[in-house]
Amino acid sequence: MVAAATGCDVIVNGLNPPNYRDWETIIPRITREVLQAAQSSGAAVLLPGNVYHFGDRPGVWSEDTVANPVSRKGEIRLAMEHGYAKSGVQTIVLRAGNFIDPDRQGDIMSEVYLRNVRNNRITLPGPADTRQAMCFLPDWARAAVAFAEMRQELPQFEDIPFPGHTVTALEIKAGVERVLQRKLKFVRFPWWALNIASPFWERSREIREMRYLWNTDHALSDRRFRQLLPSFEATPLEDVFRKVLAEVAVSERSTGRAQIA
């Protein structure tokens, strides 16, 4: 990493072991290597943060919310961020909720909520009216570039919640119905299957550990974000759904089914 970072101004640390594998050892090792590379090159580090360390207390979470991890992964991420804060390396944590990827590559919106949308179903991982912090990745990337460009104006360690979109499953269902122009129904996420698979399937154990987040009503504060980027405009949620569902619409047009609105 030291060689790769030579001449770099900003290092974006988006590394994550597949399926959360061996986080206890791999995450600290990645942290050490990224910090060594940043110290050698003089680069700032931009870190995609998450909400794991907030725990299960409902509310609007901000940079001032006291950490209260209730999961092993939350404790690991909190320790990782403390390592950056104490390192002397300029670090920008752009903290977001569940990802929404327009290319549908392993994101929560596609793998959970929309996993059966072709069968007219929205999958429900928790209470339908529980707010969840969501992040449209192209919006996060635009904000990340803006913060990287203003890094010299920021303190050594900057924690910025990315407000993104705060939605309930009810709002997701209504938005997808408007775009696809048809009614959908809720089905429950098969947590029971993960319970059965946990003894021999690593990923199921890791997903089960974070189930509490689906039951915890939360949003991310926009206070610090708006102080720094007052003119930033997020992609409207309706447009987000259109982008995410574009592939579904193309498939359905080929079979003569409903078109995207």
Protein backbone atom coordinates (compact mmCIF):
# COMPACT_ATOMS: atom_id res chain seq x y z
CA MET A 1 0.00 0.00 0.00
CA VAL A 2 2.89 2.36 0.67
CA ALA A 3 4.08 1.97 -2.92
CA ALA A 4 0.57 2.29 -4.33
CA ALA A 5 -0.07 5.49 -2.36
CA THR A 6 3.09 7.25 -3.46
CA GLY A 7 2.14 10.62 -4.95
CA CYS A 8 -1.51 10.30 -3.90
CA ASP A 9 -3.38 13.18 -2.27
CA VAL A 10 -6.34 11.15 -0.98
CA ILE A 11 -6.73 7.46 -0.15
CA VAL A 12 -10.29 6.10 -0.20
CA ASN A 13 -10.37 3.07 2.05
CA GLY A 14 -13.29 1.01 0.80
CA LEU A 15 -11.72 -2.35 1.61
CA ASN A 16 -13.97 -4.90 3.28
CA PRO A 17 -13.41 -8.67 3.59
CA PRO A 18 -16.07 -10.66 1.71
CA ASN A 19 -18.93 -11.79 3.93
CA TYR A 20 -17.35 -9.98 6.92
CA ARG A 21 -14.77 -12.75 7.11
CA ASP A 22 -12.35 -12.60 10.05
CA TRP A 23 -13.05 -8.94 10.78
CA GLU A 24 -11.23 -9.11 14.14
CA THR A 25 -7.87 -9.56 12.43
CA ILE A 26 -8.32 -8.27 8.88
CA ILE A 27 -9.88 -4.87 9.68
CA PRO A 28 -7.08 -3.86 12.10
CA ARG A 29 -4.49 -5.03 9.57
CA ILE A 30 -6.08 -2.98 6.78
CA THR A 31 -6.21 0.01 9.12
CA ARG A 32 -2.52 -0.28 9.98
CA GLU A 33 -1.51 -0.59 6.32
CA VAL A 34 -3.69 2.31 5.16
CA LEU A 35 -2.34 4.55 7.94
CA GLN A 36 1.23 3.58 7.07
CA ALA A 37 0.57 4.43 3.42
CA ALA A 38 -1.03 7.76 4.37
CA GLN A 39 1.80 8.69 6.71
CA SER A 40 4.36 7.84 4.04
CA SER A 41 2.65 9.78 1.24
CA GLY A 42 1.12 12.58 3.29
CA ALA A 43 -2.30 11.70 1.87
CA ALA A 44 -5.61 12.23 3.60
CA VAL A 45 -7.88 9.22 4.10
CA LEU A 46 -11.55 9.21 3.13
CA LEU A 47 -13.43 6.46 4.90
CA PRO A 48 -16.95 5.22 4.07
CA GLY A 49 -18.38 5.00 7.57
CA ASN A 50 -21.42 3.04 8.70
CA VAL A 51 -23.93 3.16 11.57
CA TYR A 52 -22.93 -0.01 13.41
CA HIS A 53 -21.42 1.74 16.43
CA PHE A 54 -24.62 3.64 17.26
CA GLY A 55 -26.19 0.46 18.59
CA ASP A 56 -29.92 -0.05 18.98
CA ARG A 57 -31.07 3.24 20.51
CA PRO A 58 -33.67 4.77 18.16
CA GLY A 59 -33.41 8.38 17.08
CA VAL A 60 -31.56 10.80 14.82
CA TRP A 61 -27.88 9.90 14.94
CA SER A 62 -25.23 12.57 14.51
CA GLU A 63 -21.50 13.13 14.92
CA ASP A 64 -22.26 13.93 18.57
CA THR A 65 -24.23 10.74 19.31
CA VAL A 66 -22.44 8.71 21.96
CA ALA A 67 -21.20 5.38 20.63
CA ASN A 68 -23.02 2.36 22.06
CA PRO A 69 -22.16 -0.71 19.94
CA VAL A 70 -24.29 -3.77 20.65
CA SER A 71 -22.63 -6.01 18.05
CA ARG A 72 -19.14 -7.38 17.54
CA LYS A 73 -18.90 -5.61 14.18
CA GLY A 74 -19.93 -2.34 15.79
CA GLU A 75 -17.09 -2.65 18.30
CA ILE A 76 -14.59 -3.45 15.54
CA ARG A 77 -15.63 -0.46 13.44
CA LEU A 78 -15.51 1.85 16.46
CA ALA A 79 -11.98 0.68 17.31
CA MET A 80 -10.99 1.20 13.66
CA GLU A 81 -12.21 4.80 13.69
CA HIS A 82 -10.46 5.48 17.00
CA GLY A 83 -7.26 4.29 15.31
CA TYR A 84 -7.66 6.90 12.58
CA ALA A 85 -8.57 9.63 15.07
CA LYS A 86 -5.42 9.01 17.12
CA SER A 87 -3.07 8.54 14.15
CA GLY A 88 -2.46 12.16 13.20
CA VAL A 89 -3.48 11.29 9.62
CA GLN A 90 -6.15 13.57 8.23
CA THR A 91 -9.28 11.43 8.05
CA ILE A 92 -12.73 12.19 6.70
CA VAL A 93 -15.43 9.71 7.73
CA LEU A 94 -18.42 10.10 5.44
CA ARG A 95 -20.94 8.00 7.37
CA ALA A 96 -23.93 6.48 5.62
CA GLY A 97 -26.73 3.98 6.11
CA ASN A 98 -27.63 1.06 3.83
CA PHE A 99 -26.37 1.40 0.27
CA ILE A 100 -28.52 1.75 -2.82
CA ASP A 101 -26.48 0.86 -5.90
CA PRO A 102 -28.02 1.70 -9.31
CA ASP A 103 -26.08 -1.26 -10.74
CA ARG A 104 -27.58 -3.58 -8.09
CA GLN A 105 -24.26 -5.11 -7.07
CA GLY A 106 -24.68 -6.53 -3.60
CA ASP A 107 -26.51 -3.58 -2.06
CA ILE A 108 -29.19 -3.80 0.62
CA MET A 109 -31.96 -2.31 -1.52
CA SER A 110 -31.48 -4.98 -4.21
CA GLU A 111 -30.54 -7.96 -2.05
CA VAL A 112 -33.20 -7.43 0.59
CA TYR A 113 -36.11 -5.14 -0.27
CA LEU A 114 -36.22 -5.81 -4.03
CA ARG A 115 -35.01 -9.42 -4.04
CA ASN A 116 -38.44 -10.63 -5.29
CA VAL A 117 -39.74 -7.52 -6.99
CA ARG A 118 -40.18 -9.37 -10.29
CA ASN A 119 -42.73 -11.49 -8.47
CA ASN A 120 -44.56 -8.39 -7.21
CA ARG A 121 -43.10 -8.66 -3.72
CA ILE A 122 -41.25 -6.29 -1.43
CA THR A 123 -39.26 -8.19 1.17
CA LEU A 124 -39.73 -6.93 4.71
CA PRO A 125 -36.67 -7.40 7.00
CA GLY A 126 -38.24 -5.60 9.98
CA PRO A 127 -41.29 -3.50 10.93
CA ALA A 128 -42.81 -1.80 7.89
CA ASP A 129 -42.95 1.60 9.57
CA THR A 130 -39.41 1.64 11.00
CA ARG A 131 -37.24 4.39 9.49
CA GLN A 132 -33.92 3.36 7.97
CA ALA A 133 -31.00 5.49 6.78
CA MET A 134 -30.32 4.77 3.10
CA CYS A 135 -27.55 6.03 0.82
CA PHE A 136 -27.69 6.31 -2.98
CA LEU A 137 -24.07 5.57 -3.89
CA PRO A 138 -23.69 8.12 -6.73
CA ASP A 139 -24.80 10.84 -4.29
CA TRP A 140 -22.29 9.63 -1.69
CA ALA A 141 -19.54 9.69 -4.33
CA ARG A 142 -20.35 13.29 -5.33
CA ALA A 143 -20.23 14.36 -1.69
CA ALA A 144 -17.00 12.43 -1.11
CA VAL A 145 -15.28 14.27 -3.96
CA ALA A 146 -16.46 17.61 -2.59
CA PHE A 147 -15.12 16.85 0.90
CA ALA A 148 -11.83 15.58 -0.51
CA GLU A 149 -11.43 18.84 -2.39
CA MET A 150 -12.03 20.89 0.78
CA ARG A 151 -9.86 18.67 3.00
CA GLN A 152 -7.43 21.46 3.86
CA GLU A 153 -10.28 23.37 5.50
CA LEU A 154 -11.28 20.43 7.71
CA PRO A 155 -9.86 19.25 11.07
CA GLN A 156 -7.58 16.24 11.38
CA PHE A 157 -10.53 13.92 12.06
CA GLU A 158 -13.91 14.85 10.58
CA ASP A 159 -17.01 12.73 11.17
CA ILE A 160 -19.77 13.67 8.69
CA PRO A 161 -23.09 11.81 8.68
CA PHE A 162 -24.44 11.56 5.15
CA PRO A 163 -28.20 12.24 5.44
CA GLY A 164 -29.14 10.49 2.18
CA HIS A 165 -32.72 9.22 2.21
CA THR A 166 -34.58 8.19 5.34
CA VAL A 167 -37.34 5.77 4.39
CA THR A 168 -39.60 3.10 5.79
CA ALA A 169 -40.48 -0.13 4.01
CA LEU A 170 -43.95 1.34 3.47
CA GLU A 171 -42.40 4.26 1.58
CA ILE A 172 -40.18 1.94 -0.45
CA LYS A 173 -43.20 -0.14 -1.44
CA ALA A 174 -45.20 2.95 -2.43
CA GLY A 175 -42.32 4.38 -4.46
CA VAL A 176 -41.66 1.14 -6.32
CA GLU A 177 -45.39 0.76 -7.04
CA ARG A 178 -45.48 4.23 -8.58
CA VAL A 179 -42.49 3.47 -10.79
CA LEU A 180 -43.64 0.01 -11.91
CA GLN A 181 -47.29 1.08 -12.07
CA ARG A 182 -48.63 -1.96 -10.30
CA LYS A 183 -49.48 -3.10 -6.80
CA LEU A 184 -46.99 -5.09 -4.75
CA LYS A 185 -47.30 -7.02 -1.52
CA PHE A 186 -45.03 -7.49 1.48
CA VAL A 187 -43.38 -10.80 2.29
CA ARG A 188 -41.25 -11.43 5.34
CA PHE A 189 -37.50 -11.85 5.04
CA PRO A 190 -36.65 -15.52 5.79
CA TRP A 191 -34.74 -15.00 9.03
CA TRP A 192 -35.68 -18.54 9.98
CA ALA A 193 -33.58 -19.86 7.09
CA LEU A 194 -30.56 -17.90 8.30
CA ASN A 195 -31.05 -19.35 11.78
CA ILE A 196 -30.90 -22.85 10.35
CA ALA A 197 -27.91 -22.09 8.12
CA SER A 198 -25.85 -20.23 10.73
CA PRO A 199 -23.87 -23.22 12.06
CA PHE A 200 -22.32 -23.91 8.67
CA TRP A 201 -22.75 -20.70 6.60
CA GLU A 202 -20.57 -17.81 7.71
CA ARG A 203 -22.49 -15.06 5.93
CA SER A 204 -25.80 -16.01 7.56
CA ARG A 205 -24.24 -15.62 11.02
CA GLU A 206 -22.92 -12.18 10.16
CA ILE A 207 -26.23 -10.99 8.70
CA ARG A 208 -28.16 -12.25 11.73
CA GLU A 209 -25.92 -10.25 14.06
CA MET A 210 -27.10 -7.02 12.43
CA ARG A 211 -30.80 -7.84 12.50
CA TYR A 212 -31.30 -5.34 15.31
CA LEU A 213 -30.77 -2.45 12.87
CA TRP A 214 -33.92 -3.39 10.94
CA ASN A 215 -35.87 -3.07 14.19
CA THR A 216 -34.26 0.22 15.26
CA ASP A 217 -35.97 3.39 14.03
CA HIS A 218 -33.21 5.78 12.98
CA ALA A 219 -32.11 8.57 10.69
CA LEU A 220 -28.82 10.40 10.14
CA SER A 221 -28.55 14.07 11.03
CA ASP A 222 -27.85 16.50 8.19
CA ARG A 223 -26.52 19.30 10.44
CA ARG A 224 -22.77 18.97 9.83
CA PHE A 225 -23.28 17.95 6.22
CA ARG A 226 -25.33 21.09 5.48
CA GLN A 227 -22.79 23.28 7.24
CA LEU A 228 -20.09 22.08 4.84
CA LEU A 229 -22.13 21.50 1.66
CA PRO A 230 -25.18 23.79 1.90
CA SER A 231 -26.00 23.61 -1.81
CA PHE A 232 -25.76 19.82 -2.20
CA GLU A 233 -28.89 18.27 -3.70
CA ALA A 234 -29.55 14.56 -3.34
CA THR A 235 -31.10 12.61 -6.19
CA PRO A 236 -34.89 12.59 -5.65
CA LEU A 237 -36.08 9.28 -4.26
CA GLU A 238 -38.41 8.67 -7.20
CA ASP A 239 -35.43 8.99 -9.58
CA VAL A 240 -33.43 6.64 -7.37
CA PHE A 241 -36.12 3.98 -7.74
CA ARG A 242 -36.25 4.51 -11.51
CA LYS A 243 -32.51 3.93 -11.79
CA VAL A 244 -32.52 0.89 -9.56
CA LEU A 245 -35.52 -0.62 -11.37
CA ALA A 246 -34.33 0.17 -14.91
CA GLU A 247 -33.09 -3.39 -15.48
CA VAL A 248 -36.41 -4.80 -14.25
CA ALA A 249 -38.29 -2.49 -16.61
CA VAL A 250 -36.19 -3.54 -19.61
CA SER A 251 -36.82 -7.20 -18.82
CA GLU A 252 -40.54 -6.63 -18.46
CA ARG A 253 -40.83 -4.63 -21.66
CA SER A 254 -39.36 -7.56 -23.53
CA THR A 255 -42.17 -9.74 -22.20
CA GLY A 256 -44.89 -7.17 -22.72
CA ARG A 257 -45.33 -6.46 -19.01
CA ALA A 258 -45.79 -3.09 -17.28
CA GLN A 259 -43.34 -0.33 -18.19
CA ILE A 260 -41.49 2.03 -15.91
CA ALA A 261 -43.32 5.26 -15.13
